[in-house]
Protein backbone atom coordinates (compact mmCIF):
# COMPACT_ATOMS: atom_id res chain seq x y z
CA UNK A 1 -30.07 -25.83 68.44
CA UNK A 2 -28.29 -25.53 65.45
CA UNK A 3 -26.51 -22.43 64.61
CA UNK A 4 -26.24 -22.46 60.82
CA UNK A 5 -29.55 -22.04 60.15
CA UNK A 6 -29.36 -18.62 62.05
CA UNK A 7 -26.52 -17.64 59.59
CA UNK A 8 -27.31 -16.17 56.09
CA UNK A 9 -27.24 -18.48 53.03
CA UNK A 10 -24.41 -17.67 50.81
CA UNK A 11 -25.12 -16.29 47.24
CA UNK A 12 -25.19 -18.40 44.49
CA UNK A 13 -22.22 -18.42 42.19
CA UNK A 14 -24.58 -17.54 39.14
CA UNK A 15 -26.01 -14.62 40.95
CA UNK A 16 -22.99 -12.61 41.49
CA UNK A 17 -22.81 -10.05 38.47
CA UNK A 18 -19.79 -10.30 36.48
CA UNK A 19 -17.67 -6.76 36.94
CA UNK A 20 -18.29 -5.78 33.55
CA UNK A 21 -21.89 -5.87 34.09
CA UNK A 22 -23.95 -2.62 35.04
CA UNK A 23 -27.17 -2.77 37.35
CA UNK A 24 -30.14 -1.59 35.36
CA UNK A 25 -33.50 -1.41 37.69
CA UNK A 26 -32.94 -4.65 39.32
CA UNK A 27 -31.27 -6.62 36.31
CA UNK A 28 -27.72 -7.08 34.70
CA UNK A 29 -27.19 -6.00 31.33
CA UNK A 30 -24.05 -5.99 29.19
CA UNK A 31 -22.88 -2.79 27.95
CA UNK A 32 -24.24 -1.13 25.12
CA UNK A 33 -22.82 -2.00 21.62
CA UNK A 34 -22.69 1.70 20.65
CA UNK A 35 -20.48 1.94 23.98
CA UNK A 36 -18.11 -0.43 22.98
CA UNK A 37 -17.51 0.45 19.28
CA UNK A 38 -16.88 4.03 20.92
CA UNK A 39 -14.31 2.79 23.22
CA UNK A 40 -12.98 0.58 20.36
CA UNK A 41 -12.36 3.74 17.92
CA UNK A 42 -11.29 5.92 20.75
CA UNK A 43 -8.50 3.92 21.81
CA UNK A 44 -7.55 3.37 17.74
CA UNK A 45 -7.40 7.19 17.27
CA UNK A 46 -5.54 7.06 20.36
CA UNK A 47 -2.36 5.52 18.94
CA UNK A 48 -3.44 7.03 15.51
CA UNK A 49 -4.15 10.42 16.06
CA UNK A 50 0.17 11.73 16.37
CA UNK A 51 0.90 9.71 13.39
CA UNK A 52 -2.11 11.35 11.08
CA UNK A 53 -1.21 14.88 12.26
CA UNK A 54 2.59 14.01 11.70
CA UNK A 55 1.34 13.17 7.96
CA UNK A 56 -0.94 15.91 7.34
CA UNK A 57 1.97 18.43 8.59
CA UNK A 58 4.41 16.83 6.41
CA UNK A 59 2.70 15.63 3.28
CA UNK A 60 -1.03 16.75 2.81
CA UNK A 61 -0.19 20.20 3.52
CA UNK A 62 2.64 20.95 0.63
CA UNK A 63 0.27 18.78 -1.50
CA UNK A 64 -2.36 21.17 -0.81
CA UNK A 65 -0.25 24.39 -0.90
CA UNK A 66 1.36 23.07 -4.43
CA UNK A 67 -2.20 22.91 -5.94
CA UNK A 68 -3.01 26.40 -4.45
CA UNK A 69 -0.23 28.06 -6.08
CA UNK A 70 -0.74 26.12 -9.15
CA UNK A 71 -4.03 28.03 -9.62
CA UNK A 72 -2.60 31.57 -8.61
CA UNK A 73 -0.38 33.94 -9.50
CA UNK A 74 2.50 33.84 -6.81
CA UNK A 75 3.95 36.60 -5.05
CA UNK A 76 8.26 36.22 -4.95
CA UNK A 77 8.47 38.80 -2.22
CA UNK A 78 6.15 37.14 0.43
CA UNK A 79 6.23 33.34 -1.33
CA UNK A 80 2.20 33.56 -1.10
CA UNK A 81 -0.54 33.04 -3.48
CA UNK A 82 -1.47 36.68 -4.89
CA UNK A 83 -4.26 36.36 -7.25
CA UNK A 84 -6.63 33.48 -8.58
CA UNK A 85 -5.65 32.99 -12.33
CA UNK A 86 -7.66 29.70 -12.50
CA UNK A 87 -6.21 26.88 -15.39
CA UNK A 88 -3.81 29.40 -17.04
CA UNK A 89 -0.94 27.95 -15.48
CA UNK A 90 -2.13 24.21 -16.50
CA UNK A 91 -2.47 25.70 -19.96
CA UNK A 92 0.94 27.19 -20.33
CA UNK A 93 2.06 23.66 -18.77
CA UNK A 94 0.57 21.59 -21.45
CA UNK A 95 1.67 23.75 -24.00
CA UNK A 96 5.21 23.96 -23.09
CA UNK A 97 7.54 21.93 -25.38
CA UNK A 98 9.92 21.56 -22.62
CA UNK A 99 7.48 20.01 -20.25
CA UNK A 100 6.14 17.62 -22.91
CA UNK A 101 10.00 16.62 -23.70
CA UNK A 102 10.63 15.41 -20.22
CA UNK A 103 7.29 13.76 -19.83
CA UNK A 104 8.67 11.82 -23.03
CA UNK A 105 12.16 11.01 -21.72
CA UNK A 106 10.91 10.09 -18.31
CA UNK A 107 8.47 7.36 -20.38
CA UNK A 108 11.82 6.38 -22.29
CA UNK A 109 13.24 5.90 -19.06
CA UNK A 110 10.79 3.94 -17.44
CA UNK A 111 10.20 1.55 -20.45
CA UNK A 112 14.13 1.11 -20.29
CA UNK A 113 14.85 0.41 -16.94
CA UNK A 114 11.88 -1.01 -14.86
CA UNK A 115 11.57 -4.25 -16.89
CA UNK A 116 15.57 -4.61 -17.06
CA UNK A 117 15.82 -4.21 -13.22
CA UNK A 118 12.92 -6.30 -12.80
CA UNK A 119 14.38 -9.63 -14.88
CA UNK A 120 17.82 -8.94 -13.29
CA UNK A 121 16.04 -8.63 -9.83
CA UNK A 122 14.26 -12.06 -9.89
CA UNK A 123 17.07 -13.74 -11.67
CA UNK A 124 19.95 -12.93 -9.60
CA UNK A 125 17.53 -13.93 -6.40
CA UNK A 126 16.99 -17.14 -8.36
CA UNK A 127 20.79 -18.06 -8.56
CA UNK A 128 21.54 -16.49 -4.54
CA UNK A 129 18.68 -19.25 -3.48
CA UNK A 130 20.52 -21.84 -4.99
CA UNK A 131 22.96 -23.62 -2.76
CA UNK A 132 26.40 -22.85 -3.63
CA UNK A 133 29.85 -21.60 -1.96
CA UNK A 134 30.10 -17.70 -1.07
CA UNK A 135 26.43 -17.34 -1.47
CA UNK A 136 26.18 -15.38 1.41
CA UNK A 137 29.10 -13.29 0.77
CA UNK A 138 27.26 -12.40 -2.61
CA UNK A 139 24.42 -11.74 -0.97
CA UNK A 140 26.01 -9.04 1.68
CA UNK A 141 27.87 -7.23 -1.25
CA UNK A 142 24.77 -7.17 -3.18
CA UNK A 143 23.50 -4.72 -0.87
CA UNK A 144 26.20 -1.96 -1.15
CA UNK A 145 24.47 -0.17 -3.77
CA UNK A 146 21.47 0.61 -1.78
CA UNK A 147 23.36 2.42 0.94
CA UNK A 148 25.12 4.70 -1.82
CA UNK A 149 23.25 8.07 -1.87
CA UNK A 150 21.83 8.67 -5.20
CA UNK A 151 23.89 11.87 -6.14
CA UNK A 152 27.45 10.28 -4.97
CA UNK A 153 26.22 7.21 -7.11
CA UNK A 154 25.85 9.77 -9.72
CA UNK A 155 29.07 11.21 -9.66
CA UNK A 156 31.29 8.00 -9.24
CA UNK A 157 29.85 6.77 -12.20
CA UNK A 158 30.38 10.19 -14.09
CA UNK A 159 34.07 9.48 -13.01
CA UNK A 160 33.75 5.79 -14.63
CA UNK A 161 32.17 6.28 -17.87
CA UNK A 162 34.59 9.56 -18.10
CA UNK A 163 35.84 9.44 -22.51
CA UNK A 164 38.90 9.98 -21.55
CA UNK A 165 40.01 8.83 -18.14
CA UNK A 166 37.08 6.44 -17.08
CA UNK A 167 37.97 2.58 -16.51
CA UNK A 168 34.63 1.52 -18.18
CA UNK A 169 36.12 2.71 -21.42
CA UNK A 170 39.80 1.53 -20.23
CA UNK A 171 38.44 -2.22 -20.01
CA UNK A 172 36.46 -1.64 -23.02
CA UNK A 173 39.74 -1.01 -24.81
CA UNK A 174 40.91 -4.37 -24.28
CA UNK A 175 38.29 -6.00 -26.79
CA UNK A 176 38.57 -3.00 -29.02
CA UNK A 177 35.34 -0.98 -28.17
CA UNK A 178 35.82 3.00 -27.68
CA UNK A 179 36.27 5.02 -26.29
CA UNK A 180 32.66 5.92 -26.00
CA UNK A 181 31.51 9.26 -24.61
CA UNK A 182 28.73 7.49 -22.52
CA UNK A 183 27.62 11.00 -20.92
CA UNK A 184 28.19 13.44 -24.03
CA UNK A 185 26.14 11.37 -26.84
CA UNK A 186 22.60 11.99 -26.60
CA UNK A 187 22.25 8.17 -28.11
CA UNK A 188 24.19 6.82 -25.16
CA UNK A 189 23.18 9.48 -22.07
CA UNK A 190 20.07 7.70 -21.56
CA UNK A 191 21.35 4.05 -21.78
CA UNK A 192 23.75 5.40 -18.87
CA UNK A 193 21.28 6.43 -16.90
CA UNK A 194 19.55 3.79 -17.28
CA UNK A 195 22.84 1.40 -16.50
CA UNK A 196 23.68 3.78 -13.48
CA UNK A 197 19.68 3.36 -12.02
CA UNK A 198 19.85 -0.28 -12.41
CA UNK A 199 23.34 -0.63 -10.59
CA UNK A 200 22.09 0.92 -7.62
CA UNK A 201 18.45 -0.48 -7.82
CA UNK A 202 18.25 -4.03 -8.62
CA UNK A 203 19.88 -5.17 -4.88
CA UNK A 204 16.43 -3.85 -3.42
CA UNK A 205 14.33 -6.04 -6.06
CA UNK A 206 16.90 -8.73 -5.14
CA UNK A 207 16.18 -8.70 -1.83
CA UNK A 208 12.41 -8.47 -1.89
CA UNK A 209 12.61 -11.33 -4.42
CA UNK A 210 15.04 -13.39 -1.86
CA UNK A 211 12.32 -13.09 0.76
CA UNK A 212 9.41 -14.18 -1.04
CA UNK A 213 11.23 -16.94 -2.83
CA UNK A 214 12.75 -18.26 0.54
CA UNK A 215 8.76 -18.13 1.75
CA UNK A 216 6.96 -20.44 -1.44
CA UNK A 217 6.23 -23.93 -0.14
CA UNK A 218 8.95 -26.52 -0.56
CA UNK A 219 6.49 -29.45 -1.06
CA UNK A 220 5.38 -27.82 -4.33
CA UNK A 221 8.89 -28.26 -5.88
CA UNK A 222 9.56 -31.53 -4.19
CA UNK A 223 6.14 -32.47 -6.23
CA UNK A 224 7.54 -31.32 -9.72
CA UNK A 225 11.04 -32.83 -8.68
CA UNK A 226 9.44 -36.45 -8.62
CA UNK A 227 6.97 -35.64 -11.72
CA UNK A 228 10.82 -35.15 -13.22
CA UNK A 229 9.91 -31.54 -14.18
CA UNK A 230 13.38 -29.87 -15.88
CA UNK A 231 14.47 -26.76 -14.29
CA UNK A 232 12.87 -24.13 -17.00
CA UNK A 233 9.45 -26.14 -16.43
CA UNK A 234 9.47 -25.72 -12.40
CA UNK A 235 10.51 -21.85 -13.12
CA UNK A 236 7.94 -21.19 -15.54
CA UNK A 237 4.75 -22.87 -14.28
CA UNK A 238 5.67 -23.23 -10.70
CA UNK A 239 7.97 -20.32 -9.37
CA UNK A 240 6.52 -17.53 -11.30
CA UNK A 241 2.65 -18.37 -10.80
CA UNK A 242 3.43 -18.53 -7.01
CA UNK A 243 5.72 -15.56 -7.39
CA UNK A 244 2.99 -13.69 -9.26
CA UNK A 245 1.40 -11.27 -6.25
CA UNK A 246 5.42 -10.33 -5.50
CA UNK A 247 6.20 -9.49 -8.66
CA UNK A 248 3.06 -6.70 -8.68
CA UNK A 249 4.08 -5.71 -5.83
CA UNK A 250 7.67 -5.17 -6.27
CA UNK A 251 6.93 -3.57 -9.93
CA UNK A 252 4.56 -1.15 -8.22
CA UNK A 253 6.78 -0.11 -5.34
CA UNK A 254 9.65 0.28 -8.11
CA UNK A 255 7.61 1.92 -10.35
CA UNK A 256 6.74 4.66 -7.40
CA UNK A 257 10.40 4.70 -7.04
CA UNK A 258 11.50 5.39 -10.64
CA UNK A 259 8.91 8.15 -11.68
CA UNK A 260 10.79 10.23 -8.73
CA UNK A 261 14.45 10.23 -10.44
CA UNK A 262 15.78 13.03 -9.88
CA UNK A 263 19.54 12.80 -8.36
CA UNK A 264 21.04 10.59 -10.52
CA UNK A 265 20.53 12.79 -13.75
CA UNK A 266 21.45 15.89 -11.92
CA UNK A 267 24.86 14.14 -10.81
CA UNK A 268 25.52 12.65 -13.94
CA UNK A 269 24.21 14.78 -16.96
CA UNK A 270 22.18 17.54 -15.29
CA UNK A 271 19.53 16.58 -18.08
CA UNK A 272 21.99 16.68 -21.25
CA UNK A 273 23.09 16.70 -23.63
CA UNK A 274 20.84 18.80 -25.01
CA UNK A 275 17.35 17.45 -23.34
CA UNK A 276 18.17 13.70 -23.75
CA UNK A 277 18.35 12.51 -19.82
CA UNK A 278 16.35 15.83 -18.66
CA UNK A 279 13.38 13.60 -16.88
CA UNK A 280 10.13 15.49 -15.78
CA UNK A 281 11.53 15.88 -11.95
CA UNK A 282 14.49 17.72 -13.21
CA UNK A 283 12.65 19.86 -15.32
CA UNK A 284 10.31 21.22 -12.85
CA UNK A 285 13.14 21.68 -10.50
CA UNK A 286 15.06 24.00 -13.25
CA UNK A 287 11.70 25.65 -14.09
CA UNK A 288 11.28 26.63 -10.41
CA UNK A 289 14.37 27.00 -9.02
CA UNK A 290 16.42 28.65 -11.93
CA UNK A 291 13.68 30.32 -13.99
CA UNK A 292 11.59 31.02 -10.74
CA UNK A 293 8.20 30.09 -12.63
CA UNK A 294 6.40 28.49 -9.47
CA UNK A 295 3.21 28.74 -10.35
CA UNK A 296 3.61 27.01 -13.69
CA UNK A 297 5.86 24.60 -12.17
CA UNK A 298 3.39 23.91 -9.39
CA UNK A 299 0.72 23.06 -12.51
CA UNK A 300 3.56 20.78 -13.81
CA UNK A 301 4.24 18.88 -10.75
CA UNK A 302 0.36 18.46 -9.74
CA UNK A 303 -0.01 16.87 -13.52
CA UNK A 304 2.78 14.55 -12.86
CA UNK A 305 0.61 13.48 -9.54
CA UNK A 306 -2.23 13.20 -11.30
CA UNK A 307 -0.81 10.64 -13.98
CA UNK A 308 0.85 8.82 -11.73
CA UNK A 309 -1.75 8.29 -9.32
CA UNK A 310 -3.68 6.71 -12.47
CA UNK A 311 -0.97 4.79 -13.61
CA UNK A 312 -0.46 3.42 -9.90
CA UNK A 313 -4.06 2.70 -9.65
CA UNK A 314 -3.84 0.64 -12.94
CA UNK A 315 -0.91 -1.33 -11.87
CA UNK A 316 -2.91 -2.17 -8.56
CA UNK A 317 -5.69 -3.36 -10.63
CA UNK A 318 -3.59 -5.79 -12.44
CA UNK A 319 -1.96 -6.81 -10.00
CA UNK A 320 -5.36 -7.79 -8.06
CA UNK A 321 -5.95 -9.88 -10.60
CA UNK A 322 -2.76 -11.51 -10.82
CA UNK A 323 -3.40 -12.58 -7.23
CA UNK A 324 -6.67 -14.01 -8.46
CA UNK A 325 -5.82 -15.85 -11.32
CA UNK A 326 -2.79 -17.80 -9.53
């Protein structure tokens, strides 16, 4: 008699339920889509939660507190809003000649500084990507201005541009120029601020532009060389279209940094001579912490924030159109 027939038959492999299934009335079914979605969302917010709370504490709270103060009268004894005044602080801000002049000064600074830094940054990056001796050393030296604190940079350049003892006027004297009162002449003070800011921030653009150029496909340039394209044709018709998205992104990042101009102007000129370099952030700082007009200054800060957001949205849309075109 065969004993194998008395043993239970092994369950077929296809009948063994996978561990991920659950039993429902004699059958097996996959977990519900809603449960999977909930588990995925829970796992994401487990990692994002602490960072979100930190951003809310360090970023969102100061912004909402500033907005609250801008619509209130501030009690300097308790440093808390004392009473609702509506749009009065905003009316005072937009009718303040000093605030309007600071917006104008900031606009002049942005128009002068941003194009100069973008052209120099991408031009230097283009030269640094060409094979030549000491290229690595020069690329490393270009990073030095980035690690210098803005206040230190402003103070050092204030000594370099001194009309009596500064080395810049000393060097210009060899070619018969000067001495120039770089920081004391209203016509030269803004140019000086732009030059100092360009010295400090152009290496940042060089760094980003160099990385973007290294990521360009080499076969396109080889094809252009085979077709006999000159270097300027390659630059205009190949390099710039491929770098359009990178140029737009760098411009937006640098724009957001330039709008916050404060440290260099404070250390080099303190907004002078007169009001020629009194950028908007420096003016708001002076009104708040020297004149103790915190409510009006908060309204000015909110106005600047709204204008910055509008301009940033315009630049982002323009960047998106450049990416779609090229």
